[in-house]
Amino acid sequence: MNIEEIIAAETMHQFIVELINSFDRKEIEYMAKIDYDFSNIKIDVPPHIVGLLIKYKDYVIKNLTIEKMLELAKKYEPEMYEWIKNKYYIHKWINRRIFTPLRQWLLNGAKL
């Protein structure tokens, strides 16, 4: 990995952590079970993280996957990894309700 990929991966990881930490884990499990669309909820992801997601959008679009999320969590957040690793309904919800819209936003010329 070159330095840009490392920064992009770190940014992606930080985004995921900020997002998950915005909620109580029981809330996440509940939202995933009912497939809740929370697109109208304001989530406080720091602007510099959003700016870096935009800057490294090519990497993020290609690598924003559940597999990559689990790989990063296992490396940097072992406790979070243990909580989420076998909860496939959460994986599906994160992919559908978070990763897919984020990729689409980045593909459509994301702006702050």
PDB file of N, CA and C in Angstrom:
ATOM      1  N   MET A   1       0.841  -1.195   0.000  1.00  0.00           N
ATOM      2  CA  MET A   1       0.000   0.000   0.000  1.00  0.00           C
ATOM      3  C   MET A   1       0.877   1.245   0.000  1.00  0.00           C
ATOM      4  N   ASN A   2       0.520   2.189  -0.839  1.00  0.00           N
ATOM      5  CA  ASN A   2       1.238   3.454  -0.803  1.00  0.00           C
ATOM      6  C   ASN A   2       0.605   4.356   0.262  1.00  0.00           C
ATOM      7  N   ILE A   3       1.223   5.483   0.507  1.00  0.00           N
ATOM      8  CA  ILE A   3       0.781   6.375   1.586  1.00  0.00           C
ATOM      9  C   ILE A   3      -0.659   6.860   1.377  1.00  0.00           C
ATOM     10  N   GLU A   4      -1.018   7.131   0.113  1.00  0.00           N
ATOM     11  CA  GLU A   4      -2.388   7.585  -0.174  1.00  0.00           C
ATOM     12  C   GLU A   4      -3.406   6.500   0.176  1.00  0.00           C
ATOM     13  N   GLU A   5      -3.094   5.245  -0.153  1.00  0.00           N
ATOM     14  CA  GLU A   5      -4.000   4.147   0.167  1.00  0.00           C
ATOM     15  C   GLU A   5      -4.119   3.952   1.677  1.00  0.00           C
ATOM     16  N   ILE A   6      -3.015   4.135   2.386  1.00  0.00           N
ATOM     17  CA  ILE A   6      -3.030   4.015   3.848  1.00  0.00           C
ATOM     18  C   ILE A   6      -3.932   5.096   4.443  1.00  0.00           C
ATOM     19  N   ILE A   7      -3.769   6.331   3.972  1.00  0.00           N
ATOM     20  CA  ILE A   7      -4.604   7.436   4.464  1.00  0.00           C
ATOM     21  C   ILE A   7      -6.070   7.174   4.121  1.00  0.00           C
ATOM     22  N   ALA A   8      -6.320   6.705   2.896  1.00  0.00           N
ATOM     23  CA  ALA A   8      -7.697   6.424   2.471  1.00  0.00           C
ATOM     24  C   ALA A   8      -8.309   5.321   3.334  1.00  0.00           C
ATOM     25  N   ALA A   9      -7.551   4.261   3.602  1.00  0.00           N
ATOM     26  CA  ALA A   9      -8.055   3.157   4.429  1.00  0.00           C
ATOM     27  C   ALA A   9      -8.326   3.631   5.855  1.00  0.00           C
ATOM     28  N   GLU A  10      -7.407   4.434   6.398  1.00  0.00           N
ATOM     29  CA  GLU A  10      -7.593   4.989   7.744  1.00  0.00           C
ATOM     30  C   GLU A  10      -8.842   5.869   7.792  1.00  0.00           C
ATOM     31  N   THR A  11      -9.054   6.660   6.754  1.00  0.00           N
ATOM     32  CA  THR A  11     -10.216   7.544   6.688  1.00  0.00           C
ATOM     33  C   THR A  11     -11.501   6.738   6.639  1.00  0.00           C
ATOM     34  N   MET A  12     -11.495   5.699   5.807  1.00  0.00           N
ATOM     35  CA  MET A  12     -12.658   4.836   5.692  1.00  0.00           C
ATOM     36  C   MET A  12     -12.970   4.185   7.040  1.00  0.00           C
ATOM     37  N   HIS A  13     -11.921   3.718   7.690  1.00  0.00           N
ATOM     38  CA  HIS A  13     -12.082   3.099   9.012  1.00  0.00           C
ATOM     39  C   HIS A  13     -12.644   4.107  10.005  1.00  0.00           C
ATOM     40  N   GLN A  14     -12.103   5.321  10.013  1.00  0.00           N
ATOM     41  CA  GLN A  14     -12.562   6.348  10.947  1.00  0.00           C
ATOM     42  C   GLN A  14     -14.024   6.702  10.690  1.00  0.00           C
ATOM     43  N   PHE A  15     -14.407   6.752   9.420  1.00  0.00           N
ATOM     44  CA  PHE A  15     -15.799   7.025   9.061  1.00  0.00           C
ATOM     45  C   PHE A  15     -16.718   5.941   9.648  1.00  0.00           C
ATOM     46  N   ILE A  16     -16.335   4.686   9.469  1.00  0.00           N
ATOM     47  CA  ILE A  16     -17.141   3.564   9.969  1.00  0.00           C
ATOM     48  C   ILE A  16     -17.251   3.624  11.495  1.00  0.00           C
ATOM     49  N   VAL A  17     -16.137   3.885  12.170  1.00  0.00           N
ATOM     50  CA  VAL A  17     -16.137   3.974  13.634  1.00  0.00           C
ATOM     51  C   VAL A  17     -17.033   5.120  14.101  1.00  0.00           C
ATOM     52  N   GLU A  18     -16.889   6.286  13.483  1.00  0.00           N
ATOM     53  CA  GLU A  18     -17.713   7.449  13.856  1.00  0.00           C
ATOM     54  C   GLU A  18     -19.198   7.129  13.667  1.00  0.00           C
ATOM     55  N   LEU A  19     -19.497   6.477  12.555  1.00  0.00           N
ATOM     56  CA  LEU A  19     -20.877   6.142  12.250  1.00  0.00           C
ATOM     57  C   LEU A  19     -21.453   5.180  13.284  1.00  0.00           C
ATOM     58  N   ILE A  20     -20.745   4.104  13.548  1.00  0.00           N
ATOM     59  CA  ILE A  20     -21.219   3.108  14.518  1.00  0.00           C
ATOM     60  C   ILE A  20     -21.304   3.714  15.917  1.00  0.00           C
ATOM     61  N   ASN A  21     -20.348   4.553  16.272  1.00  0.00           N
ATOM     62  CA  ASN A  21     -20.343   5.160  17.599  1.00  0.00           C
ATOM     63  C   ASN A  21     -21.407   6.254  17.754  1.00  0.00           C
ATOM     64  N   SER A  22     -22.022   6.660  16.638  1.00  0.00           N
ATOM     65  CA  SER A  22     -23.111   7.636  16.713  1.00  0.00           C
ATOM     66  C   SER A  22     -24.361   7.029  17.346  1.00  0.00           C
ATOM     67  N   PHE A  23     -24.396   5.705  17.383  1.00  0.00           N
ATOM     68  CA  PHE A  23     -25.561   4.997  17.903  1.00  0.00           C
ATOM     69  C   PHE A  23     -25.139   4.042  19.005  1.00  0.00           C
ATOM     70  N   ASP A  24     -26.100   3.680  19.811  1.00  0.00           N
ATOM     71  CA  ASP A  24     -25.930   2.589  20.756  1.00  0.00           C
ATOM     72  C   ASP A  24     -25.970   1.299  19.932  1.00  0.00           C
ATOM     73  N   ARG A  25     -25.223   0.304  20.323  1.00  0.00           N
ATOM     74  CA  ARG A  25     -25.171  -0.939  19.530  1.00  0.00           C
ATOM     75  C   ARG A  25     -26.518  -1.642  19.459  1.00  0.00           C
ATOM     76  N   LYS A  26     -27.299  -1.528  20.509  1.00  0.00           N
ATOM     77  CA  LYS A  26     -28.657  -2.114  20.474  1.00  0.00           C
ATOM     78  C   LYS A  26     -29.509  -1.393  19.430  1.00  0.00           C
ATOM     79  N   GLU A  27     -29.306  -0.069  19.302  1.00  0.00           N
ATOM     80  CA  GLU A  27     -30.027   0.694  18.274  1.00  0.00           C
ATOM     81  C   GLU A  27     -29.648   0.193  16.884  1.00  0.00           C
ATOM     82  N   ILE A  28     -28.363  -0.047  16.666  1.00  0.00           N
ATOM     83  CA  ILE A  28     -27.894  -0.534  15.361  1.00  0.00           C
ATOM     84  C   ILE A  28     -28.522  -1.895  15.068  1.00  0.00           C
ATOM     85  N   GLU A  29     -28.516  -2.766  16.055  1.00  0.00           N
ATOM     86  CA  GLU A  29     -29.101  -4.094  15.854  1.00  0.00           C
ATOM     87  C   GLU A  29     -30.597  -3.981  15.524  1.00  0.00           C
ATOM     88  N   TYR A  30     -31.288  -3.096  16.219  1.00  0.00           N
ATOM     89  CA  TYR A  30     -32.713  -2.889  15.956  1.00  0.00           C
ATOM     90  C   TYR A  30     -32.934  -2.320  14.552  1.00  0.00           C
ATOM     91  N   MET A  31     -32.171  -1.261  14.191  1.00  0.00           N
ATOM     92  CA  MET A  31     -32.327  -0.641  12.877  1.00  0.00           C
ATOM     93  C   MET A  31     -32.034  -1.641  11.766  1.00  0.00           C
ATOM     94  N   ALA A  32     -31.037  -2.491  11.974  1.00  0.00           N
ATOM     95  CA  ALA A  32     -30.697  -3.497  10.968  1.00  0.00           C
ATOM     96  C   ALA A  32     -31.818  -4.524  10.833  1.00  0.00           C
ATOM     97  N   LYS A  33     -32.387  -4.935  11.952  1.00  0.00           N
ATOM     98  CA  LYS A  33     -33.453  -5.948  11.910  1.00  0.00           C
ATOM     99  C   LYS A  33     -34.696  -5.444  11.192  1.00  0.00           C
ATOM    100  N   ILE A  34     -35.027  -4.166  11.355  1.00  0.00           N
ATOM    101  CA  ILE A  34     -36.215  -3.636  10.678  1.00  0.00           C
ATOM    102  C   ILE A  34     -35.853  -2.949   9.353  1.00  0.00           C
ATOM    103  N   ASP A  35     -34.584  -3.010   8.969  1.00  0.00           N
ATOM    104  CA  ASP A  35     -34.088  -2.386   7.728  1.00  0.00           C
ATOM    105  C   ASP A  35     -34.448  -0.901   7.678  1.00  0.00           C
ATOM    106  N   TYR A  36     -34.180  -0.215   8.763  1.00  0.00           N
ATOM    107  CA  TYR A  36     -34.537   1.198   8.914  1.00  0.00           C
ATOM    108  C   TYR A  36     -33.720   2.078   7.975  1.00  0.00           C
ATOM    109  N   ASP A  37     -34.420   2.951   7.265  1.00  0.00           N
ATOM    110  CA  ASP A  37     -33.754   3.930   6.411  1.00  0.00           C
ATOM    111  C   ASP A  37     -33.550   5.194   7.230  1.00  0.00           C
ATOM    112  N   PHE A  38     -32.292   5.428   7.601  1.00  0.00           N
ATOM    113  CA  PHE A  38     -32.029   6.569   8.482  1.00  0.00           C
ATOM    114  C   PHE A  38     -31.397   7.727   7.724  1.00  0.00           C
ATOM    115  N   SER A  39     -31.680   7.824   6.418  1.00  0.00           N
ATOM    116  CA  SER A  39     -31.052   8.858   5.598  1.00  0.00           C
ATOM    117  C   SER A  39     -31.417  10.277   6.027  1.00  0.00           C
ATOM    118  N   ASN A  40     -32.517  10.427   6.764  1.00  0.00           N
ATOM    119  CA  ASN A  40     -32.893  11.772   7.208  1.00  0.00           C
ATOM    120  C   ASN A  40     -32.386  12.105   8.611  1.00  0.00           C
ATOM    121  N   ILE A  41     -31.601  11.199   9.199  1.00  0.00           N
ATOM    122  CA  ILE A  41     -31.025  11.452  10.526  1.00  0.00           C
ATOM    123  C   ILE A  41     -29.660  12.105  10.359  1.00  0.00           C
ATOM    124  N   LYS A  42     -29.405  13.142  11.127  1.00  0.00           N
ATOM    125  CA  LYS A  42     -28.106  13.816  11.074  1.00  0.00           C
ATOM    126  C   LYS A  42     -27.096  13.025  11.891  1.00  0.00           C
ATOM    127  N   ILE A  43     -26.010  12.637  11.235  1.00  0.00           N
ATOM    128  CA  ILE A  43     -24.938  11.911  11.918  1.00  0.00           C
ATOM    129  C   ILE A  43     -23.722  12.821  11.942  1.00  0.00           C
ATOM    130  N   ASP A  44     -23.143  12.977  13.112  1.00  0.00           N
ATOM    131  CA  ASP A  44     -22.010  13.885  13.251  1.00  0.00           C
ATOM    132  C   ASP A  44     -20.690  13.212  12.908  1.00  0.00           C
ATOM    133  N   VAL A  45     -20.426  13.125  11.599  1.00  0.00           N
ATOM    134  CA  VAL A  45     -19.110  12.673  11.144  1.00  0.00           C
ATOM    135  C   VAL A  45     -18.298  13.948  10.931  1.00  0.00           C
ATOM    136  N   PRO A  46     -17.120  14.043  11.557  1.00  0.00           N
ATOM    137  CA  PRO A  46     -16.336  15.275  11.431  1.00  0.00           C
ATOM    138  C   PRO A  46     -16.086  15.660   9.967  1.00  0.00           C
ATOM    139  N   PRO A  47     -16.193  16.969   9.666  1.00  0.00           N
ATOM    140  CA  PRO A  47     -16.032  17.437   8.280  1.00  0.00           C
ATOM    141  C   PRO A  47     -14.705  17.016   7.638  1.00  0.00           C
ATOM    142  N   HIS A  48     -13.619  16.952   8.426  1.00  0.00           N
ATOM    143  CA  HIS A  48     -12.337  16.573   7.812  1.00  0.00           C
ATOM    144  C   HIS A  48     -12.372  15.128   7.321  1.00  0.00           C
ATOM    145  N   ILE A  49     -13.159  14.274   7.997  1.00  0.00           N
ATOM    146  CA  ILE A  49     -13.299  12.877   7.534  1.00  0.00           C
ATOM    147  C   ILE A  49     -14.078  12.858   6.226  1.00  0.00           C
ATOM    148  N   VAL A  50     -15.165  13.622   6.158  1.00  0.00           N
ATOM    149  CA  VAL A  50     -15.949  13.692   4.927  1.00  0.00           C
ATOM    150  C   VAL A  50     -15.080  14.246   3.796  1.00  0.00           C
ATOM    151  N   GLY A  51     -14.296  15.279   4.099  1.00  0.00           N
ATOM    152  CA  GLY A  51     -13.388  15.854   3.091  1.00  0.00           C
ATOM    153  C   GLY A  51     -12.393  14.836   2.571  1.00  0.00           C
ATOM    154  N   LEU A  52     -11.847  14.012   3.463  1.00  0.00           N
ATOM    155  CA  LEU A  52     -10.891  12.978   3.042  1.00  0.00           C
ATOM    156  C   LEU A  52     -11.581  11.865   2.260  1.00  0.00           C
ATOM    157  N   LEU A  53     -12.822  11.512   2.626  1.00  0.00           N
ATOM    158  CA  LEU A  53     -13.572  10.531   1.842  1.00  0.00           C
ATOM    159  C   LEU A  53     -13.727  11.021   0.401  1.00  0.00           C
ATOM    160  N   ILE A  54     -14.002  12.321   0.246  1.00  0.00           N
ATOM    161  CA  ILE A  54     -14.142  12.909  -1.091  1.00  0.00           C
ATOM    162  C   ILE A  54     -12.792  12.903  -1.808  1.00  0.00           C
ATOM    163  N   LYS A  55     -11.746  13.316  -1.100  1.00  0.00           N
ATOM    164  CA  LYS A  55     -10.405  13.380  -1.705  1.00  0.00           C
ATOM    165  C   LYS A  55      -9.953  12.019  -2.225  1.00  0.00           C
ATOM    166  N   TYR A  56     -10.242  10.963  -1.449  1.00  0.00           N
ATOM    167  CA  TYR A  56      -9.808   9.607  -1.816  1.00  0.00           C
ATOM    168  C   TYR A  56     -10.967   8.770  -2.335  1.00  0.00           C
ATOM    169  N   LYS A  57     -11.892   9.437  -3.022  1.00  0.00           N
ATOM    170  CA  LYS A  57     -13.124   8.755  -3.418  1.00  0.00           C
ATOM    171  C   LYS A  57     -12.901   7.538  -4.302  1.00  0.00           C
ATOM    172  N   ASP A  58     -11.906   7.548  -5.174  1.00  0.00           N
ATOM    173  CA  ASP A  58     -11.670   6.382  -6.038  1.00  0.00           C
ATOM    174  C   ASP A  58     -11.351   5.149  -5.195  1.00  0.00           C
ATOM    175  N   TYR A  59     -10.503   5.316  -4.202  1.00  0.00           N
ATOM    176  CA  TYR A  59     -10.157   4.217  -3.298  1.00  0.00           C
ATOM    177  C   TYR A  59     -11.383   3.793  -2.486  1.00  0.00           C
ATOM    178  N   VAL A  60     -12.105   4.773  -1.967  1.00  0.00           N
ATOM    179  CA  VAL A  60     -13.260   4.490  -1.108  1.00  0.00           C
ATOM    180  C   VAL A  60     -14.340   3.744  -1.892  1.00  0.00           C
ATOM    181  N   ILE A  61     -14.650   4.210  -3.103  1.00  0.00           N
ATOM    182  CA  ILE A  61     -15.675   3.567  -3.925  1.00  0.00           C
ATOM    183  C   ILE A  61     -15.316   2.101  -4.161  1.00  0.00           C
ATOM    184  N   LYS A  62     -14.057   1.850  -4.440  1.00  0.00           N
ATOM    185  CA  LYS A  62     -13.596   0.487  -4.745  1.00  0.00           C
ATOM    186  C   LYS A  62     -13.520  -0.393  -3.491  1.00  0.00           C
ATOM    187  N   ASN A  63     -13.182   0.174  -2.356  1.00  0.00           N
ATOM    188  CA  ASN A  63     -12.882  -0.619  -1.165  1.00  0.00           C
ATOM    189  C   ASN A  63     -13.910  -0.552  -0.041  1.00  0.00           C
ATOM    190  N   LEU A  64     -14.976   0.194  -0.234  1.00  0.00           N
ATOM    191  CA  LEU A  64     -15.987   0.312   0.820  1.00  0.00           C
ATOM    192  C   LEU A  64     -16.880  -0.924   0.774  1.00  0.00           C
ATOM    193  N   THR A  65     -16.388  -1.988   1.394  1.00  0.00           N
ATOM    194  CA  THR A  65     -17.100  -3.269   1.405  1.00  0.00           C
ATOM    195  C   THR A  65     -17.165  -3.788   2.839  1.00  0.00           C
ATOM    196  N   ILE A  66     -18.055  -4.712   3.061  1.00  0.00           N
ATOM    197  CA  ILE A  66     -18.160  -5.342   4.383  1.00  0.00           C
ATOM    198  C   ILE A  66     -16.860  -6.065   4.710  1.00  0.00           C
ATOM    199  N   GLU A  67     -16.283  -6.745   3.724  1.00  0.00           N
ATOM    200  CA  GLU A  67     -15.028  -7.465   3.952  1.00  0.00           C
ATOM    201  C   GLU A  67     -13.927  -6.516   4.415  1.00  0.00           C
ATOM    202  N   LYS A  68     -13.813  -5.372   3.749  1.00  0.00           N
ATOM    203  CA  LYS A  68     -12.794  -4.383   4.122  1.00  0.00           C
ATOM    204  C   LYS A  68     -13.111  -3.799   5.500  1.00  0.00           C
ATOM    205  N   MET A  69     -14.388  -3.545   5.771  1.00  0.00           N
ATOM    206  CA  MET A  69     -14.781  -3.027   7.075  1.00  0.00           C
ATOM    207  C   MET A  69     -14.367  -4.006   8.182  1.00  0.00           C
ATOM    208  N   LEU A  70     -14.627  -5.298   7.972  1.00  0.00           N
ATOM    209  CA  LEU A  70     -14.270  -6.304   8.967  1.00  0.00           C
ATOM    210  C   LEU A  70     -12.756  -6.423   9.123  1.00  0.00           C
ATOM    211  N   GLU A  71     -12.040  -6.327   8.001  1.00  0.00           N
ATOM    212  CA  GLU A  71     -10.571  -6.384   8.043  1.00  0.00           C
ATOM    213  C   GLU A  71     -10.014  -5.220   8.864  1.00  0.00           C
ATOM    214  N   LEU A  72     -10.523  -4.022   8.620  1.00  0.00           N
ATOM    215  CA  LEU A  72     -10.074  -2.839   9.355  1.00  0.00           C
ATOM    216  C   LEU A  72     -10.468  -2.926  10.831  1.00  0.00           C
ATOM    217  N   ALA A  73     -11.696  -3.387  11.086  1.00  0.00           N
ATOM    218  CA  ALA A  73     -12.158  -3.510  12.475  1.00  0.00           C
ATOM    219  C   ALA A  73     -11.309  -4.531  13.233  1.00  0.00           C
ATOM    220  N   LYS A  74     -10.990  -5.636  12.588  1.00  0.00           N
ATOM    221  CA  LYS A  74     -10.183  -6.670  13.251  1.00  0.00           C
ATOM    222  C   LYS A  74      -8.811  -6.121  13.624  1.00  0.00           C
ATOM    223  N   LYS A  75      -8.268  -5.285  12.752  1.00  0.00           N
ATOM    224  CA  LYS A  75      -6.937  -4.707  12.968  1.00  0.00           C
ATOM    225  C   LYS A  75      -6.952  -3.598  14.022  1.00  0.00           C
ATOM    226  N   TYR A  76      -7.950  -2.705  13.937  1.00  0.00           N
ATOM    227  CA  TYR A  76      -7.928  -1.500  14.771  1.00  0.00           C
ATOM    228  C   TYR A  76      -8.937  -1.482  15.912  1.00  0.00           C
ATOM    229  N   GLU A  77     -10.025  -2.221  15.785  1.00  0.00           N
ATOM    230  CA  GLU A  77     -11.107  -2.192  16.787  1.00  0.00           C
ATOM    231  C   GLU A  77     -11.541  -3.624  17.097  1.00  0.00           C
ATOM    232  N   PRO A  78     -10.689  -4.423  17.734  1.00  0.00           N
ATOM    233  CA  PRO A  78     -11.016  -5.842  17.956  1.00  0.00           C
ATOM    234  C   PRO A  78     -12.352  -6.070  18.669  1.00  0.00           C
ATOM    235  N   GLU A  79     -12.690  -5.190  19.601  1.00  0.00           N
ATOM    236  CA  GLU A  79     -13.943  -5.347  20.337  1.00  0.00           C
ATOM    237  C   GLU A  79     -15.142  -5.125  19.403  1.00  0.00           C
ATOM    238  N   MET A  80     -15.048  -4.128  18.534  1.00  0.00           N
ATOM    239  CA  MET A  80     -16.105  -3.866  17.561  1.00  0.00           C
ATOM    240  C   MET A  80     -16.196  -5.035  16.580  1.00  0.00           C
ATOM    241  N   TYR A  81     -15.038  -5.533  16.178  1.00  0.00           N
ATOM    242  CA  TYR A  81     -14.993  -6.679  15.262  1.00  0.00           C
ATOM    243  C   TYR A  81     -15.718  -7.879  15.870  1.00  0.00           C
ATOM    244  N   GLU A  82     -15.443  -8.182  17.135  1.00  0.00           N
ATOM    245  CA  GLU A  82     -16.087  -9.319  17.793  1.00  0.00           C
ATOM    246  C   GLU A  82     -17.604  -9.133  17.846  1.00  0.00           C
ATOM    247  N   TRP A  83     -18.036  -7.898  18.065  1.00  0.00           N
ATOM    248  CA  TRP A  83     -19.464  -7.609  18.150  1.00  0.00           C
ATOM    249  C   TRP A  83     -20.160  -7.812  16.803  1.00  0.00           C
ATOM    250  N   ILE A  84     -19.513  -7.430  15.715  1.00  0.00           N
ATOM    251  CA  ILE A  84     -20.194  -7.371  14.419  1.00  0.00           C
ATOM    252  C   ILE A  84     -19.900  -8.550  13.485  1.00  0.00           C
ATOM    253  N   LYS A  85     -18.841  -9.305  13.731  1.00  0.00           N
ATOM    254  CA  LYS A  85     -18.356 -10.276  12.734  1.00  0.00           C
ATOM    255  C   LYS A  85     -19.387 -11.296  12.260  1.00  0.00           C
ATOM    256  N   ASN A  86     -20.234 -11.812  13.129  1.00  0.00           N
ATOM    257  CA  ASN A  86     -21.195 -12.844  12.722  1.00  0.00           C
ATOM    258  C   ASN A  86     -22.633 -12.345  12.614  1.00  0.00           C
ATOM    259  N   LYS A  87     -22.806 -11.041  12.641  1.00  0.00           N
ATOM    260  CA  LYS A  87     -24.156 -10.476  12.551  1.00  0.00           C
ATOM    261  C   LYS A  87     -24.423 -10.069  11.096  1.00  0.00           C
ATOM    262  N   TYR A  88     -24.780 -11.058  10.285  1.00  0.00           N
ATOM    263  CA  TYR A  88     -24.917 -10.830   8.843  1.00  0.00           C
ATOM    264  C   TYR A  88     -26.056  -9.876   8.504  1.00  0.00           C
ATOM    265  N   TYR A  89     -27.088  -9.829   9.345  1.00  0.00           N
ATOM    266  CA  TYR A  89     -28.171  -8.885   9.100  1.00  0.00           C
ATOM    267  C   TYR A  89     -27.665  -7.442   9.227  1.00  0.00           C
ATOM    268  N   ILE A  90     -26.684  -7.218  10.122  1.00  0.00           N
ATOM    269  CA  ILE A  90     -26.082  -5.880  10.235  1.00  0.00           C
ATOM    270  C   ILE A  90     -25.201  -5.611   9.014  1.00  0.00           C
ATOM    271  N   HIS A  91     -24.467  -6.601   8.563  1.00  0.00           N
ATOM    272  CA  HIS A  91     -23.630  -6.431   7.362  1.00  0.00           C
ATOM    273  C   HIS A  91     -24.508  -5.999   6.188  1.00  0.00           C
ATOM    274  N   LYS A  92     -25.625  -6.709   6.007  1.00  0.00           N
ATOM    275  CA  LYS A  92     -26.528  -6.417   4.888  1.00  0.00           C
ATOM    276  C   LYS A  92     -27.082  -4.993   4.994  1.00  0.00           C
ATOM    277  N   TRP A  93     -27.486  -4.609   6.209  1.00  0.00           N
ATOM    278  CA  TRP A  93     -28.049  -3.279   6.424  1.00  0.00           C
ATOM    279  C   TRP A  93     -27.005  -2.188   6.177  1.00  0.00           C
ATOM    280  N   ILE A  94     -25.804  -2.374   6.710  1.00  0.00           N
ATOM    281  CA  ILE A  94     -24.729  -1.389   6.507  1.00  0.00           C
ATOM    282  C   ILE A  94     -24.434  -1.236   5.020  1.00  0.00           C
ATOM    283  N   ASN A  95     -24.357  -2.348   4.319  1.00  0.00           N
ATOM    284  CA  ASN A  95     -24.072  -2.283   2.887  1.00  0.00           C
ATOM    285  C   ASN A  95     -25.194  -1.561   2.133  1.00  0.00           C
ATOM    286  N   ARG A  96     -26.439  -1.911   2.449  1.00  0.00           N
ATOM    287  CA  ARG A  96     -27.579  -1.343   1.720  1.00  0.00           C
ATOM    288  C   ARG A  96     -27.874   0.103   2.091  1.00  0.00           C
ATOM    289  N   ARG A  97     -27.827   0.396   3.380  1.00  0.00           N
ATOM    290  CA  ARG A  97     -28.273   1.710   3.856  1.00  0.00           C
ATOM    291  C   ARG A  97     -27.152   2.730   4.050  1.00  0.00           C
ATOM    292  N   ILE A  98     -25.893   2.274   4.089  1.00  0.00           N
ATOM    293  CA  ILE A  98     -24.788   3.203   4.323  1.00  0.00           C
ATOM    294  C   ILE A  98     -23.800   3.180   3.165  1.00  0.00           C
ATOM    295  N   PHE A  99     -23.232   2.010   2.883  1.00  0.00           N
ATOM    296  CA  PHE A  99     -22.168   1.949   1.875  1.00  0.00           C
ATOM    297  C   PHE A  99     -22.680   2.263   0.467  1.00  0.00           C
ATOM    298  N   THR A 100     -23.811   1.674   0.062  1.00  0.00           N
ATOM    299  CA  THR A 100     -24.324   1.914  -1.289  1.00  0.00           C
ATOM    300  C   THR A 100     -24.663   3.393  -1.509  1.00  0.00           C
ATOM    301  N   PRO A 101     -25.410   4.042  -0.579  1.00  0.00           N
ATOM    302  CA  PRO A 101     -25.666   5.476  -0.785  1.00  0.00           C
ATOM    303  C   PRO A 101     -24.390   6.325  -0.763  1.00  0.00           C
ATOM    304  N   LEU A 102     -23.414   5.964   0.088  1.00  0.00           N
ATOM    305  CA  LEU A 102     -22.166   6.725   0.136  1.00  0.00           C
ATOM    306  C   LEU A 102     -21.400   6.586  -1.175  1.00  0.00           C
ATOM    307  N   ARG A 103     -21.323   5.366  -1.700  1.00  0.00           N
ATOM    308  CA  ARG A 103     -20.657   5.165  -2.997  1.00  0.00           C
ATOM    309  C   ARG A 103     -21.358   5.978  -4.082  1.00  0.00           C
ATOM    310  N   GLN A 104     -22.690   5.954  -4.085  1.00  0.00           N
ATOM    311  CA  GLN A 104     -23.466   6.690  -5.086  1.00  0.00           C
ATOM    312  C   GLN A 104     -23.209   8.192  -4.972  1.00  0.00           C
ATOM    313  N   TRP A 105     -23.161   8.689  -3.746  1.00  0.00           N
ATOM    314  CA  TRP A 105     -22.885  10.110  -3.500  1.00  0.00           C
ATOM    315  C   TRP A 105     -21.504  10.484  -4.036  1.00  0.00           C
ATOM    316  N   LEU A 106     -20.531   9.634  -3.782  1.00  0.00           N
ATOM    317  CA  LEU A 106     -19.172   9.893  -4.266  1.00  0.00           C
ATOM    318  C   LEU A 106     -19.117   9.824  -5.794  1.00  0.00           C
ATOM    319  N   LEU A 107     -19.804   8.863  -6.388  1.00  0.00           N
ATOM    320  CA  LEU A 107     -19.827   8.729  -7.849  1.00  0.00           C
ATOM    321  C   LEU A 107     -20.508   9.921  -8.512  1.00  0.00           C
ATOM    322  N   ASN A 108     -21.476  10.519  -7.814  1.00  0.00           N
ATOM    323  CA  ASN A 108     -22.221  11.652  -8.369  1.00  0.00           C
ATOM    324  C   ASN A 108     -21.550  13.002  -8.105  1.00  0.00           C
ATOM    325  N   GLY A 109     -20.268  12.985  -7.760  1.00  0.00           N
ATOM    326  CA  GLY A 109     -19.545  14.243  -7.566  1.00  0.00           C
ATOM    327  C   GLY A 109     -19.784  14.871  -6.214  1.00  0.00           C
ATOM    328  N   ALA A 110     -19.608  14.112  -5.164  1.00  0.00           N
ATOM    329  CA  ALA A 110     -19.859  14.545  -3.779  1.00  0.00           C
ATOM    330  C   ALA A 110     -19.295  15.924  -3.469  1.00  0.00           C
ATOM    331  N   LYS A 111     -20.082  16.662  -2.708  1.00  0.00           N
ATOM    332  CA  LYS A 111     -19.643  17.989  -2.223  1.00  0.00           C
ATOM    333  C   LYS A 111     -19.974  18.076  -0.740  1.00  0.00           C
ATOM    334  N   LEU A 112     -19.167  18.865  -0.031  1.00  0.00           N
ATOM    335  CA  LEU A 112     -19.412  19.077   1.413  1.00  0.00           C
ATOM    336  C   LEU A 112     -20.662  19.912   1.621  1.00  0.00           C
TER     337      LEU A 112
END
